[in-house]
Amino acid sequence: MKLLLDSHVVVWWAAYPGRLRATTREAITSPDNEVLLSAASVWELGLKIARGKLRLPQDYAARLLADGFEELPVTIAHTTLSASLPALHGDPFDRLLIAQALADGLVLVTSDREIMRYDVPVLEA
């Protein structure tokens, strides 16, 4: 399985892993699965850190990549699909993650009920 982590799941994994379901932690650590970290999530979390709304180690993204997470860049195809999604969710970062999951055949790891309203494969965090 190819797993794309929602931004809050990145935070939970990096700072509060106990908040994740045991089955989700197992899926993330399984060598059978690929775990992707979107550039959109790093951007979103960076904005929150800069505003003082979130605290994470400065090198959290580099640590995740060093631990085997794979970087998922944002492409024009992703942004085009994001803009064409039904207006069920207003958060542009979440809409971009949904588009990335749909375009690239990924399972989105999230606990966001608004995301689950889309026809996107989800693993509940």
PDB file of N, CA and C in Angstrom:
ATOM      1  N   MET A   1       0.837  -1.169   0.000  1.00  0.00           N
ATOM      2  CA  MET A   1       0.000   0.000   0.000  1.00  0.00           C
ATOM      3  C   MET A   1       0.893   1.247   0.000  1.00  0.00           C
ATOM      4  N   LYS A   2       0.430   2.264  -0.670  1.00  0.00           N
ATOM      5  CA  LYS A   2       1.117   3.555  -0.659  1.00  0.00           C
ATOM      6  C   LYS A   2       0.284   4.497   0.183  1.00  0.00           C
ATOM      7  N   LEU A   3       0.855   4.963   1.298  1.00  0.00           N
ATOM      8  CA  LEU A   3       0.141   5.798   2.254  1.00  0.00           C
ATOM      9  C   LEU A   3       0.599   7.242   2.157  1.00  0.00           C
ATOM     10  N   LEU A   4      -0.356   8.148   2.059  1.00  0.00           N
ATOM     11  CA  LEU A   4      -0.081   9.576   2.091  1.00  0.00           C
ATOM     12  C   LEU A   4      -0.610  10.109   3.416  1.00  0.00           C
ATOM     13  N   LEU A   5       0.262  10.699   4.222  1.00  0.00           N
ATOM     14  CA  LEU A   5      -0.137  11.182   5.538  1.00  0.00           C
ATOM     15  C   LEU A   5      -0.731  12.578   5.467  1.00  0.00           C
ATOM     16  N   ASP A   6      -1.924  12.734   6.060  1.00  0.00           N
ATOM     17  CA  ASP A   6      -2.506  14.059   6.233  1.00  0.00           C
ATOM     18  C   ASP A   6      -1.594  14.835   7.185  1.00  0.00           C
ATOM     19  N   SER A   7      -1.655  16.148   7.120  1.00  0.00           N
ATOM     20  CA  SER A   7      -0.749  16.985   7.914  1.00  0.00           C
ATOM     21  C   SER A   7      -0.849  16.712   9.407  1.00  0.00           C
ATOM     22  N   HIS A   8      -2.064  16.532   9.929  1.00  0.00           N
ATOM     23  CA  HIS A   8      -2.185  16.267  11.364  1.00  0.00           C
ATOM     24  C   HIS A   8      -1.599  14.907  11.723  1.00  0.00           C
ATOM     25  N   VAL A   9      -1.622  13.973  10.798  1.00  0.00           N
ATOM     26  CA  VAL A   9      -1.016  12.659  11.040  1.00  0.00           C
ATOM     27  C   VAL A   9       0.506  12.790  11.096  1.00  0.00           C
ATOM     28  N   VAL A  10       1.057  13.664  10.281  1.00  0.00           N
ATOM     29  CA  VAL A  10       2.501  13.938  10.340  1.00  0.00           C
ATOM     30  C   VAL A  10       2.866  14.450  11.735  1.00  0.00           C
ATOM     31  N   VAL A  11       2.066  15.382  12.249  1.00  0.00           N
ATOM     32  CA  VAL A  11       2.313  15.928  13.596  1.00  0.00           C
ATOM     33  C   VAL A  11       2.202  14.823  14.636  1.00  0.00           C
ATOM     34  N   TRP A  12       1.135  14.036  14.550  1.00  0.00           N
ATOM     35  CA  TRP A  12       0.954  12.962  15.528  1.00  0.00           C
ATOM     36  C   TRP A  12       2.124  11.979  15.472  1.00  0.00           C
ATOM     37  N   TRP A  13       2.531  11.606  14.260  1.00  0.00           N
ATOM     38  CA  TRP A  13       3.633  10.649  14.114  1.00  0.00           C
ATOM     39  C   TRP A  13       4.927  11.228  14.698  1.00  0.00           C
ATOM     40  N   ALA A  14       5.193  12.502  14.405  1.00  0.00           N
ATOM     41  CA  ALA A  14       6.447  13.128  14.840  1.00  0.00           C
ATOM     42  C   ALA A  14       6.465  13.447  16.329  1.00  0.00           C
ATOM     43  N   ALA A  15       5.303  13.790  16.910  1.00  0.00           N
ATOM     44  CA  ALA A  15       5.301  14.285  18.287  1.00  0.00           C
ATOM     45  C   ALA A  15       4.374  13.534  19.243  1.00  0.00           C
ATOM     46  N   TYR A  16       3.332  12.917  18.736  1.00  0.00           N
ATOM     47  CA  TYR A  16       2.336  12.261  19.603  1.00  0.00           C
ATOM     48  C   TYR A  16       1.888  10.927  19.002  1.00  0.00           C
ATOM     49  N   PRO A  17       2.792   9.976  18.800  1.00  0.00           N
ATOM     50  CA  PRO A  17       2.413   8.740  18.102  1.00  0.00           C
ATOM     51  C   PRO A  17       1.295   7.956  18.799  1.00  0.00           C
ATOM     52  N   GLY A  18       1.127   8.142  20.092  1.00  0.00           N
ATOM     53  CA  GLY A  18       0.062   7.456  20.814  1.00  0.00           C
ATOM     54  C   GLY A  18      -1.331   7.876  20.392  1.00  0.00           C
ATOM     55  N   ARG A  19      -1.458   8.992  19.694  1.00  0.00           N
ATOM     56  CA  ARG A  19      -2.768   9.447  19.214  1.00  0.00           C
ATOM     57  C   ARG A  19      -3.246   8.639  18.017  1.00  0.00           C
ATOM     58  N   LEU A  20      -2.328   7.966  17.355  1.00  0.00           N
ATOM     59  CA  LEU A  20      -2.687   7.159  16.195  1.00  0.00           C
ATOM     60  C   LEU A  20      -3.211   5.794  16.633  1.00  0.00           C
ATOM     61  N   ARG A  21      -4.154   5.255  15.880  1.00  0.00           N
ATOM     62  CA  ARG A  21      -4.630   3.895  16.132  1.00  0.00           C
ATOM     63  C   ARG A  21      -3.451   2.932  15.992  1.00  0.00           C
ATOM     64  N   ALA A  22      -3.491   1.865  16.739  1.00  0.00           N
ATOM     65  CA  ALA A  22      -2.422   0.858  16.662  1.00  0.00           C
ATOM     66  C   ALA A  22      -2.304   0.309  15.247  1.00  0.00           C
ATOM     67  N   THR A  23      -3.425   0.078  14.592  1.00  0.00           N
ATOM     68  CA  THR A  23      -3.393  -0.459  13.226  1.00  0.00           C
ATOM     69  C   THR A  23      -2.774   0.537  12.252  1.00  0.00           C
ATOM     70  N   THR A  24      -2.973   1.817  12.513  1.00  0.00           N
ATOM     71  CA  THR A  24      -2.387   2.847  11.656  1.00  0.00           C
ATOM     72  C   THR A  24      -0.874   2.906  11.867  1.00  0.00           C
ATOM     73  N   ARG A  25      -0.449   2.850  13.128  1.00  0.00           N
ATOM     74  CA  ARG A  25       1.000   2.830  13.397  1.00  0.00           C
ATOM     75  C   ARG A  25       1.643   1.618  12.730  1.00  0.00           C
ATOM     76  N   GLU A  26       0.974   0.471  12.786  1.00  0.00           N
ATOM     77  CA  GLU A  26       1.501  -0.737  12.148  1.00  0.00           C
ATOM     78  C   GLU A  26       1.606  -0.555  10.633  1.00  0.00           C
ATOM     79  N   ALA A  27       0.583   0.058  10.035  1.00  0.00           N
ATOM     80  CA  ALA A  27       0.616   0.277   8.589  1.00  0.00           C
ATOM     81  C   ALA A  27       1.762   1.208   8.199  1.00  0.00           C
ATOM     82  N   ILE A  28       1.996   2.236   9.003  1.00  0.00           N
ATOM     83  CA  ILE A  28       3.063   3.190   8.707  1.00  0.00           C
ATOM     84  C   ILE A  28       4.438   2.541   8.849  1.00  0.00           C
ATOM     85  N   THR A  29       4.591   1.649   9.801  1.00  0.00           N
ATOM     86  CA  THR A  29       5.896   1.021  10.033  1.00  0.00           C
ATOM     87  C   THR A  29       6.116  -0.253   9.210  1.00  0.00           C
ATOM     88  N   SER A  30       5.080  -0.757   8.569  1.00  0.00           N
ATOM     89  CA  SER A  30       5.214  -2.000   7.806  1.00  0.00           C
ATOM     90  C   SER A  30       6.156  -1.821   6.621  1.00  0.00           C
ATOM     91  N   PRO A  31       7.111  -2.723   6.471  1.00  0.00           N
ATOM     92  CA  PRO A  31       8.013  -2.631   5.317  1.00  0.00           C
ATOM     93  C   PRO A  31       7.292  -2.915   3.993  1.00  0.00           C
ATOM     94  N   ASP A  32       6.071  -3.432   4.060  1.00  0.00           N
ATOM     95  CA  ASP A  32       5.292  -3.700   2.848  1.00  0.00           C
ATOM     96  C   ASP A  32       4.648  -2.447   2.272  1.00  0.00           C
ATOM     97  N   ASN A  33       4.631  -1.369   3.068  1.00  0.00           N
ATOM     98  CA  ASN A  33       3.965  -0.135   2.644  1.00  0.00           C
ATOM     99  C   ASN A  33       4.978   0.969   2.383  1.00  0.00           C
ATOM    100  N   GLU A  34       4.630   1.846   1.440  1.00  0.00           N
ATOM    101  CA  GLU A  34       5.392   3.066   1.213  1.00  0.00           C
ATOM    102  C   GLU A  34       4.648   4.194   1.920  1.00  0.00           C
ATOM    103  N   VAL A  35       5.384   5.066   2.590  1.00  0.00           N
ATOM    104  CA  VAL A  35       4.772   6.195   3.291  1.00  0.00           C
ATOM    105  C   VAL A  35       5.286   7.475   2.654  1.00  0.00           C
ATOM    106  N   LEU A  36       4.334   8.309   2.223  1.00  0.00           N
ATOM    107  CA  LEU A  36       4.695   9.533   1.521  1.00  0.00           C
ATOM    108  C   LEU A  36       4.381  10.760   2.356  1.00  0.00           C
ATOM    109  N   LEU A  37       5.281  11.721   2.277  1.00  0.00           N
ATOM    110  CA  LEU A  37       5.155  13.013   2.938  1.00  0.00           C
ATOM    111  C   LEU A  37       5.032  14.072   1.849  1.00  0.00           C
ATOM    112  N   SER A  38       3.866  14.705   1.802  1.00  0.00           N
ATOM    113  CA  SER A  38       3.622  15.703   0.758  1.00  0.00           C
ATOM    114  C   SER A  38       4.328  17.015   1.064  1.00  0.00           C
ATOM    115  N   ALA A  39       4.862  17.618   0.020  1.00  0.00           N
ATOM    116  CA  ALA A  39       5.425  18.966   0.153  1.00  0.00           C
ATOM    117  C   ALA A  39       4.350  19.934   0.648  1.00  0.00           C
ATOM    118  N   ALA A  40       3.088  19.668   0.317  1.00  0.00           N
ATOM    119  CA  ALA A  40       1.988  20.522   0.782  1.00  0.00           C
ATOM    120  C   ALA A  40       1.863  20.481   2.309  1.00  0.00           C
ATOM    121  N   SER A  41       2.050  19.305   2.900  1.00  0.00           N
ATOM    122  CA  SER A  41       1.968  19.195   4.362  1.00  0.00           C
ATOM    123  C   SER A  41       3.113  19.936   5.033  1.00  0.00           C
ATOM    124  N   VAL A  42       4.311  19.810   4.478  1.00  0.00           N
ATOM    125  CA  VAL A  42       5.459  20.508   5.046  1.00  0.00           C
ATOM    126  C   VAL A  42       5.247  22.016   4.953  1.00  0.00           C
ATOM    127  N   TRP A  43       4.668  22.478   3.868  1.00  0.00           N
ATOM    128  CA  TRP A  43       4.349  23.897   3.700  1.00  0.00           C
ATOM    129  C   TRP A  43       3.301  24.326   4.731  1.00  0.00           C
ATOM    130  N   GLU A  44       2.212  23.572   4.828  1.00  0.00           N
ATOM    131  CA  GLU A  44       1.151  23.909   5.786  1.00  0.00           C
ATOM    132  C   GLU A  44       1.677  23.946   7.216  1.00  0.00           C
ATOM    133  N   LEU A  45       2.429  22.929   7.600  1.00  0.00           N
ATOM    134  CA  LEU A  45       2.954  22.878   8.969  1.00  0.00           C
ATOM    135  C   LEU A  45       3.975  23.992   9.199  1.00  0.00           C
ATOM    136  N   GLY A  46       4.772  24.306   8.188  1.00  0.00           N
ATOM    137  CA  GLY A  46       5.729  25.404   8.302  1.00  0.00           C
ATOM    138  C   GLY A  46       5.042  26.735   8.564  1.00  0.00           C
ATOM    139  N   LEU A  47       3.916  26.958   7.911  1.00  0.00           N
ATOM    140  CA  LEU A  47       3.148  28.185   8.148  1.00  0.00           C
ATOM    141  C   LEU A  47       2.627  28.239   9.585  1.00  0.00           C
ATOM    142  N   LYS A  48       2.149  27.107  10.085  1.00  0.00           N
ATOM    143  CA  LYS A  48       1.640  27.055  11.464  1.00  0.00           C
ATOM    144  C   LYS A  48       2.771  27.258  12.470  1.00  0.00           C
ATOM    145  N   ILE A  49       3.922  26.686  12.190  1.00  0.00           N
ATOM    146  CA  ILE A  49       5.082  26.864  13.073  1.00  0.00           C
ATOM    147  C   ILE A  49       5.497  28.331  13.092  1.00  0.00           C
ATOM    148  N   ALA A  50       5.528  28.952  11.913  1.00  0.00           N
ATOM    149  CA  ALA A  50       5.945  30.357  11.812  1.00  0.00           C
ATOM    150  C   ALA A  50       4.994  31.291  12.555  1.00  0.00           C
ATOM    151  N   ARG A  51       3.705  30.942  12.601  1.00  0.00           N
ATOM    152  CA  ARG A  51       2.717  31.755  13.308  1.00  0.00           C
ATOM    153  C   ARG A  51       2.656  31.451  14.802  1.00  0.00           C
ATOM    154  N   GLY A  52       3.444  30.479  15.247  1.00  0.00           N
ATOM    155  CA  GLY A  52       3.436  30.113  16.657  1.00  0.00           C
ATOM    156  C   GLY A  52       2.263  29.238  17.064  1.00  0.00           C
ATOM    157  N   LYS A  53       1.569  28.640  16.095  1.00  0.00           N
ATOM    158  CA  LYS A  53       0.416  27.793  16.391  1.00  0.00           C
ATOM    159  C   LYS A  53       0.786  26.325  16.543  1.00  0.00           C
ATOM    160  N   LEU A  54       2.044  25.995  16.275  1.00  0.00           N
ATOM    161  CA  LEU A  54       2.490  24.609  16.317  1.00  0.00           C
ATOM    162  C   LEU A  54       3.962  24.578  16.673  1.00  0.00           C
ATOM    163  N   ARG A  55       4.320  23.587  17.466  1.00  0.00           N
ATOM    164  CA  ARG A  55       5.735  23.380  17.803  1.00  0.00           C
ATOM    165  C   ARG A  55       6.140  21.989  17.351  1.00  0.00           C
ATOM    166  N   LEU A  56       7.159  21.953  16.535  1.00  0.00           N
ATOM    167  CA  LEU A  56       7.774  20.711  16.088  1.00  0.00           C
ATOM    168  C   LEU A  56       9.274  20.951  16.007  1.00  0.00           C
ATOM    169  N   PRO A  57      10.060  19.892  16.126  1.00  0.00           N
ATOM    170  CA  PRO A  57      11.498  20.089  15.919  1.00  0.00           C
ATOM    171  C   PRO A  57      11.739  20.677  14.533  1.00  0.00           C
ATOM    172  N   GLN A  58      12.674  21.582  14.436  1.00  0.00           N
ATOM    173  CA  GLN A  58      12.940  22.273  13.182  1.00  0.00           C
ATOM    174  C   GLN A  58      13.251  21.301  12.042  1.00  0.00           C
ATOM    175  N   ASP A  59      13.855  20.186  12.381  1.00  0.00           N
ATOM    176  CA  ASP A  59      14.266  19.225  11.355  1.00  0.00           C
ATOM    177  C   ASP A  59      13.310  18.038  11.232  1.00  0.00           C
ATOM    178  N   TYR A  60      12.048  18.192  11.657  1.00  0.00           N
ATOM    179  CA  TYR A  60      11.121  17.062  11.666  1.00  0.00           C
ATOM    180  C   TYR A  60      10.978  16.434  10.273  1.00  0.00           C
ATOM    181  N   ALA A  61      10.877  17.233   9.224  1.00  0.00           N
ATOM    182  CA  ALA A  61      10.691  16.685   7.875  1.00  0.00           C
ATOM    183  C   ALA A  61      11.932  15.912   7.432  1.00  0.00           C
ATOM    184  N   ALA A  62      13.103  16.451   7.705  1.00  0.00           N
ATOM    185  CA  ALA A  62      14.339  15.750   7.355  1.00  0.00           C
ATOM    186  C   ALA A  62      14.445  14.426   8.103  1.00  0.00           C
ATOM    187  N   ARG A  63      14.018  14.419   9.351  1.00  0.00           N
ATOM    188  CA  ARG A  63      14.021  13.176  10.135  1.00  0.00           C
ATOM    189  C   ARG A  63      13.096  12.129   9.523  1.00  0.00           C
ATOM    190  N   LEU A  64      11.902  12.561   9.114  1.00  0.00           N
ATOM    191  CA  LEU A  64      10.959  11.626   8.511  1.00  0.00           C
ATOM    192  C   LEU A  64      11.518  11.059   7.207  1.00  0.00           C
ATOM    193  N   LEU A  65      12.121  11.907   6.403  1.00  0.00           N
ATOM    194  CA  LEU A  65      12.727  11.425   5.162  1.00  0.00           C
ATOM    195  C   LEU A  65      13.880  10.469   5.453  1.00  0.00           C
ATOM    196  N   ALA A  66      14.684  10.768   6.469  1.00  0.00           N
ATOM    197  CA  ALA A  66      15.785   9.886   6.848  1.00  0.00           C
ATOM    198  C   ALA A  66      15.277   8.543   7.366  1.00  0.00           C
ATOM    199  N   ASP A  67      14.071   8.554   7.951  1.00  0.00           N
ATOM    200  CA  ASP A  67      13.473   7.320   8.462  1.00  0.00           C
ATOM    201  C   ASP A  67      12.789   6.497   7.374  1.00  0.00           C
ATOM    202  N   GLY A  68      12.828   6.968   6.130  1.00  0.00           N
ATOM    203  CA  GLY A  68      12.291   6.183   5.029  1.00  0.00           C
ATOM    204  C   GLY A  68      11.008   6.701   4.418  1.00  0.00           C
ATOM    205  N   PHE A  69      10.450   7.785   4.960  1.00  0.00           N
ATOM    206  CA  PHE A  69       9.290   8.380   4.306  1.00  0.00           C
ATOM    207  C   PHE A  69       9.761   8.936   2.966  1.00  0.00           C
ATOM    208  N   GLU A  70       8.866   8.951   1.987  1.00  0.00           N
ATOM    209  CA  GLU A  70       9.229   9.441   0.663  1.00  0.00           C
ATOM    210  C   GLU A  70       8.591  10.803   0.416  1.00  0.00           C
ATOM    211  N   GLU A  71       9.341  11.675  -0.214  1.00  0.00           N
ATOM    212  CA  GLU A  71       8.842  13.001  -0.540  1.00  0.00           C
ATOM    213  C   GLU A  71       7.884  12.928  -1.717  1.00  0.00           C
ATOM    214  N   LEU A  72       6.728  13.590  -1.582  1.00  0.00           N
ATOM    215  CA  LEU A  72       5.772  13.687  -2.681  1.00  0.00           C
ATOM    216  C   LEU A  72       5.669  15.153  -3.090  1.00  0.00           C
ATOM    217  N   PRO A  73       6.233  15.500  -4.247  1.00  0.00           N
ATOM    218  CA  PRO A  73       6.144  16.879  -4.711  1.00  0.00           C
ATOM    219  C   PRO A  73       4.719  17.216  -5.147  1.00  0.00           C
ATOM    220  N   VAL A  74       4.443  18.490  -5.240  1.00  0.00           N
ATOM    221  CA  VAL A  74       3.172  18.975  -5.766  1.00  0.00           C
ATOM    222  C   VAL A  74       3.377  19.260  -7.248  1.00  0.00           C
ATOM    223  N   THR A  75       2.481  18.707  -8.063  1.00  0.00           N
ATOM    224  CA  THR A  75       2.587  18.896  -9.511  1.00  0.00           C
ATOM    225  C   THR A  75       1.409  19.721 -10.035  1.00  0.00           C
ATOM    226  N   ILE A  76       1.530  20.155 -11.272  1.00  0.00           N
ATOM    227  CA  ILE A  76       0.424  20.869 -11.907  1.00  0.00           C
ATOM    228  C   ILE A  76      -0.800  19.964 -11.998  1.00  0.00           C
ATOM    229  N   ALA A  77      -0.602  18.685 -12.265  1.00  0.00           N
ATOM    230  CA  ALA A  77      -1.732  17.747 -12.313  1.00  0.00           C
ATOM    231  C   ALA A  77      -2.453  17.706 -10.965  1.00  0.00           C
ATOM    232  N   HIS A  78      -1.692  17.726  -9.877  1.00  0.00           N
ATOM    233  CA  HIS A  78      -2.305  17.729  -8.542  1.00  0.00           C
ATOM    234  C   HIS A  78      -3.131  18.991  -8.324  1.00  0.00           C
ATOM    235  N   THR A  79      -2.560  20.130  -8.663  1.00  0.00           N
ATOM    236  CA  THR A  79      -3.262  21.392  -8.400  1.00  0.00           C
ATOM    237  C   THR A  79      -4.495  21.546  -9.297  1.00  0.00           C
ATOM    238  N   THR A  80      -4.400  21.068 -10.534  1.00  0.00           N
ATOM    239  CA  THR A  80      -5.547  21.122 -11.439  1.00  0.00           C
ATOM    240  C   THR A  80      -6.688  20.260 -10.916  1.00  0.00           C
ATOM    241  N   LEU A  81      -6.367  19.056 -10.468  1.00  0.00           N
ATOM    242  CA  LEU A  81      -7.390  18.171  -9.910  1.00  0.00           C
ATOM    243  C   LEU A  81      -7.963  18.756  -8.627  1.00  0.00           C
ATOM    244  N   SER A  82      -7.121  19.324  -7.789  1.00  0.00           N
ATOM    245  CA  SER A  82      -7.578  19.941  -6.544  1.00  0.00           C
ATOM    246  C   SER A  82      -8.620  21.015  -6.811  1.00  0.00           C
ATOM    247  N   ALA A  83      -8.377  21.831  -7.820  1.00  0.00           N
ATOM    248  CA  ALA A  83      -9.295  22.921  -8.151  1.00  0.00           C
ATOM    249  C   ALA A  83     -10.623  22.412  -8.706  1.00  0.00           C
ATOM    250  N   SER A  84     -10.631  21.188  -9.236  1.00  0.00           N
ATOM    251  CA  SER A  84     -11.856  20.656  -9.839  1.00  0.00           C
ATOM    252  C   SER A  84     -12.662  19.774  -8.888  1.00  0.00           C
ATOM    253  N   LEU A  85     -12.176  19.557  -7.683  1.00  0.00           N
ATOM    254  CA  LEU A  85     -12.907  18.718  -6.725  1.00  0.00           C
ATOM    255  C   LEU A  85     -14.201  19.401  -6.287  1.00  0.00           C
ATOM    256  N   PRO A  86     -15.213  18.615  -5.929  1.00  0.00           N
ATOM    257  CA  PRO A  86     -16.435  19.219  -5.378  1.00  0.00           C
ATOM    258  C   PRO A  86     -16.103  20.044  -4.133  1.00  0.00           C
ATOM    259  N   ALA A  87     -16.865  21.075  -3.898  1.00  0.00           N
ATOM    260  CA  ALA A  87     -16.598  22.008  -2.791  1.00  0.00           C
ATOM    261  C   ALA A  87     -17.101  21.457  -1.456  1.00  0.00           C
ATOM    262  N   LEU A  88     -16.662  20.263  -1.107  1.00  0.00           N
ATOM    263  CA  LEU A  88     -17.061  19.650   0.164  1.00  0.00           C
ATOM    264  C   LEU A  88     -16.148  20.078   1.305  1.00  0.00           C
ATOM    265  N   HIS A  89     -14.950  20.482   0.970  1.00  0.00           N
ATOM    266  CA  HIS A  89     -13.942  20.846   1.978  1.00  0.00           C
ATOM    267  C   HIS A  89     -13.296  22.145   1.519  1.00  0.00           C
ATOM    268  N   GLY A  90     -13.201  23.108   2.418  1.00  0.00           N
ATOM    269  CA  GLY A  90     -12.673  24.413   2.046  1.00  0.00           C
ATOM    270  C   GLY A  90     -11.186  24.598   2.252  1.00  0.00           C
ATOM    271  N   ASP A  91     -10.537  23.676   2.954  1.00  0.00           N
ATOM    272  CA  ASP A  91      -9.112  23.820   3.245  1.00  0.00           C
ATOM    273  C   ASP A  91      -8.289  23.467   2.004  1.00  0.00           C
ATOM    274  N   PRO A  92      -7.554  24.440   1.451  1.00  0.00           N
ATOM    275  CA  PRO A  92      -6.806  24.160   0.220  1.00  0.00           C
ATOM    276  C   PRO A  92      -5.723  23.097   0.396  1.00  0.00           C
ATOM    277  N   PHE A  93      -5.134  22.999   1.563  1.00  0.00           N
ATOM    278  CA  PHE A  93      -4.109  21.972   1.779  1.00  0.00           C
ATOM    279  C   PHE A  93      -4.741  20.583   1.775  1.00  0.00           C
ATOM    280  N   ASP A  94      -5.886  20.442   2.428  1.00  0.00           N
ATOM    281  CA  ASP A  94      -6.565  19.141   2.437  1.00  0.00           C
ATOM    282  C   ASP A  94      -7.051  18.780   1.036  1.00  0.00           C
ATOM    283  N   ARG A  95      -7.564  19.754   0.310  1.00  0.00           N
ATOM    284  CA  ARG A  95      -8.000  19.488  -1.057  1.00  0.00           C
ATOM    285  C   ARG A  95      -6.822  19.030  -1.926  1.00  0.00           C
ATOM    286  N   LEU A  96      -5.655  19.614  -1.697  1.00  0.00           N
ATOM    287  CA  LEU A  96      -4.466  19.208  -2.450  1.00  0.00           C
ATOM    288  C   LEU A  96      -4.050  17.787  -2.091  1.00  0.00           C
ATOM    289  N   LEU A  97      -4.112  17.431  -0.814  1.00  0.00           N
ATOM    290  CA  LEU A  97      -3.780  16.060  -0.409  1.00  0.00           C
ATOM    291  C   LEU A  97      -4.762  15.059  -1.016  1.00  0.00           C
ATOM    292  N   ILE A  98      -6.039  15.408  -1.044  1.00  0.00           N
ATOM    293  CA  ILE A  98      -7.049  14.542  -1.671  1.00  0.00           C
ATOM    294  C   ILE A  98      -6.701  14.345  -3.145  1.00  0.00           C
ATOM    295  N   ALA A  99      -6.375  15.431  -3.826  1.00  0.00           N
ATOM    296  CA  ALA A  99      -6.021  15.350  -5.243  1.00  0.00           C
ATOM    297  C   ALA A  99      -4.776  14.494  -5.458  1.00  0.00           C
ATOM    298  N   GLN A 100      -3.786  14.653  -4.605  1.00  0.00           N
ATOM    299  CA  GLN A 100      -2.575  13.842  -4.736  1.00  0.00           C
ATOM    300  C   GLN A 100      -2.907  12.355  -4.566  1.00  0.00           C
ATOM    301  N   ALA A 101      -3.730  12.042  -3.570  1.00  0.00           N
ATOM    302  CA  ALA A 101      -4.102  10.644  -3.341  1.00  0.00           C
ATOM    303  C   ALA A 101      -4.846  10.086  -4.553  1.00  0.00           C
ATOM    304  N   LEU A 102      -5.783  10.851  -5.083  1.00  0.00           N
ATOM    305  CA  LEU A 102      -6.553  10.388  -6.233  1.00  0.00           C
ATOM    306  C   LEU A 102      -5.672  10.241  -7.476  1.00  0.00           C
ATOM    307  N   ALA A 103      -4.852  11.227  -7.748  1.00  0.00           N
ATOM    308  CA  ALA A 103      -4.031  11.220  -8.962  1.00  0.00           C
ATOM    309  C   ALA A 103      -2.972  10.125  -8.947  1.00  0.00           C
ATOM    310  N   ASP A 104      -2.444   9.836  -7.759  1.00  0.00           N
ATOM    311  CA  ASP A 104      -1.307   8.924  -7.672  1.00  0.00           C
ATOM    312  C   ASP A 104      -1.664   7.550  -7.100  1.00  0.00           C
ATOM    313  N   GLY A 105      -2.959   7.294  -6.887  1.00  0.00           N
ATOM    314  CA  GLY A 105      -3.385   5.987  -6.389  1.00  0.00           C
ATOM    315  C   GLY A 105      -2.917   5.699  -4.972  1.00  0.00           C
ATOM    316  N   LEU A 106      -3.043   6.695  -4.097  1.00  0.00           N
ATOM    317  CA  LEU A 106      -2.568   6.586  -2.728  1.00  0.00           C
ATOM    318  C   LEU A 106      -3.731   6.444  -1.752  1.00  0.00           C
ATOM    319  N   VAL A 107      -3.444   5.885  -0.590  1.00  0.00           N
ATOM    320  CA  VAL A 107      -4.404   5.823   0.506  1.00  0.00           C
ATOM    321  C   VAL A 107      -4.072   6.974   1.441  1.00  0.00           C
ATOM    322  N   LEU A 108      -5.048   7.838   1.696  1.00  0.00           N
ATOM    323  CA  LEU A 108      -4.838   9.009   2.543  1.00  0.00           C
ATOM    324  C   LEU A 108      -5.089   8.632   3.998  1.00  0.00           C
ATOM    325  N   VAL A 109      -4.089   8.835   4.834  1.00  0.00           N
ATOM    326  CA  VAL A 109      -4.196   8.532   6.264  1.00  0.00           C
ATOM    327  C   VAL A 109      -4.657   9.804   6.968  1.00  0.00           C
ATOM    328  N   THR A 110      -5.855   9.757   7.552  1.00  0.00           N
ATOM    329  CA  THR A 110      -6.455  10.956   8.132  1.00  0.00           C
ATOM    330  C   THR A 110      -7.509  10.586   9.173  1.00  0.00           C
ATOM    331  N   SER A 111      -7.849  11.556   9.989  1.00  0.00           N
ATOM    332  CA  SER A 111      -9.011  11.425  10.869  1.00  0.00           C
ATOM    333  C   SER A 111     -10.034  12.509  10.542  1.00  0.00           C
ATOM    334  N   ASP A 112      -9.809  13.236   9.460  1.00  0.00           N
ATOM    335  CA  ASP A 112     -10.647  14.361   9.046  1.00  0.00           C
ATOM    336  C   ASP A 112     -11.918  13.846   8.361  1.00  0.00           C
ATOM    337  N   ARG A 113     -13.055  14.019   9.016  1.00  0.00           N
ATOM    338  CA  ARG A 113     -14.338  13.542   8.484  1.00  0.00           C
ATOM    339  C   ARG A 113     -14.732  14.266   7.192  1.00  0.00           C
ATOM    340  N   GLU A 114     -14.305  15.506   7.022  1.00  0.00           N
ATOM    341  CA  GLU A 114     -14.610  16.228   5.786  1.00  0.00           C
ATOM    342  C   GLU A 114     -13.895  15.581   4.600  1.00  0.00           C
ATOM    343  N   ILE A 115     -12.675  15.146   4.807  1.00  0.00           N
ATOM    344  CA  ILE A 115     -11.942  14.458   3.741  1.00  0.00           C
ATOM    345  C   ILE A 115     -12.651  13.165   3.374  1.00  0.00           C
ATOM    346  N   MET A 116     -13.185  12.481   4.371  1.00  0.00           N
ATOM    347  CA  MET A 116     -13.839  11.194   4.129  1.00  0.00           C
ATOM    348  C   MET A 116     -15.129  11.318   3.322  1.00  0.00           C
ATOM    349  N   ARG A 117     -15.610  12.527   3.106  1.00  0.00           N
ATOM    350  CA  ARG A 117     -16.788  12.743   2.270  1.00  0.00           C
ATOM    351  C   ARG A 117     -16.451  12.596   0.784  1.00  0.00           C
ATOM    352  N   TYR A 118     -15.163  12.654   0.446  1.00  0.00           N
ATOM    353  CA  TYR A 118     -14.715  12.475  -0.939  1.00  0.00           C
ATOM    354  C   TYR A 118     -14.543  10.983  -1.239  1.00  0.00           C
ATOM    355  N   ASP A 119     -14.594  10.657  -2.493  1.00  0.00           N
ATOM    356  CA  ASP A 119     -14.398   9.274  -2.924  1.00  0.00           C
ATOM    357  C   ASP A 119     -12.896   9.012  -3.081  1.00  0.00           C
ATOM    358  N   VAL A 120     -12.215   9.033  -1.936  1.00  0.00           N
ATOM    359  CA  VAL A 120     -10.768   8.830  -1.903  1.00  0.00           C
ATOM    360  C   VAL A 120     -10.492   7.709  -0.902  1.00  0.00           C
ATOM    361  N   PRO A 121      -9.574   6.794  -1.244  1.00  0.00           N
ATOM    362  CA  PRO A 121      -9.254   5.727  -0.289  1.00  0.00           C
ATOM    363  C   PRO A 121      -8.649   6.325   0.988  1.00  0.00           C
ATOM    364  N   VAL A 122      -9.137   5.880   2.140  1.00  0.00           N
ATOM    365  CA  VAL A 122      -8.716   6.423   3.424  1.00  0.00           C
ATOM    366  C   VAL A 122      -8.374   5.314   4.388  1.00  0.00           C
ATOM    367  N   LEU A 123      -7.336   5.539   5.163  1.00  0.00           N
ATOM    368  CA  LEU A 123      -7.029   4.732   6.345  1.00  0.00           C
ATOM    369  C   LEU A 123      -7.212   5.667   7.515  1.00  0.00           C
ATOM    370  N   GLU A 124      -8.139   5.337   8.411  1.00  0.00           N
ATOM    371  CA  GLU A 124      -8.412   6.227   9.538  1.00  0.00           C
ATOM    372  C   GLU A 124      -7.228   6.241  10.481  1.00  0.00           C
ATOM    373  N   ALA A 125      -6.840   7.458  10.848  1.00  0.00           N
ATOM    374  CA  ALA A 125      -5.700   7.643  11.737  1.00  0.00           C
ATOM    375  C   ALA A 125      -6.103   7.328  13.154  1.00  0.00           C
TER     376      ALA A 125
END
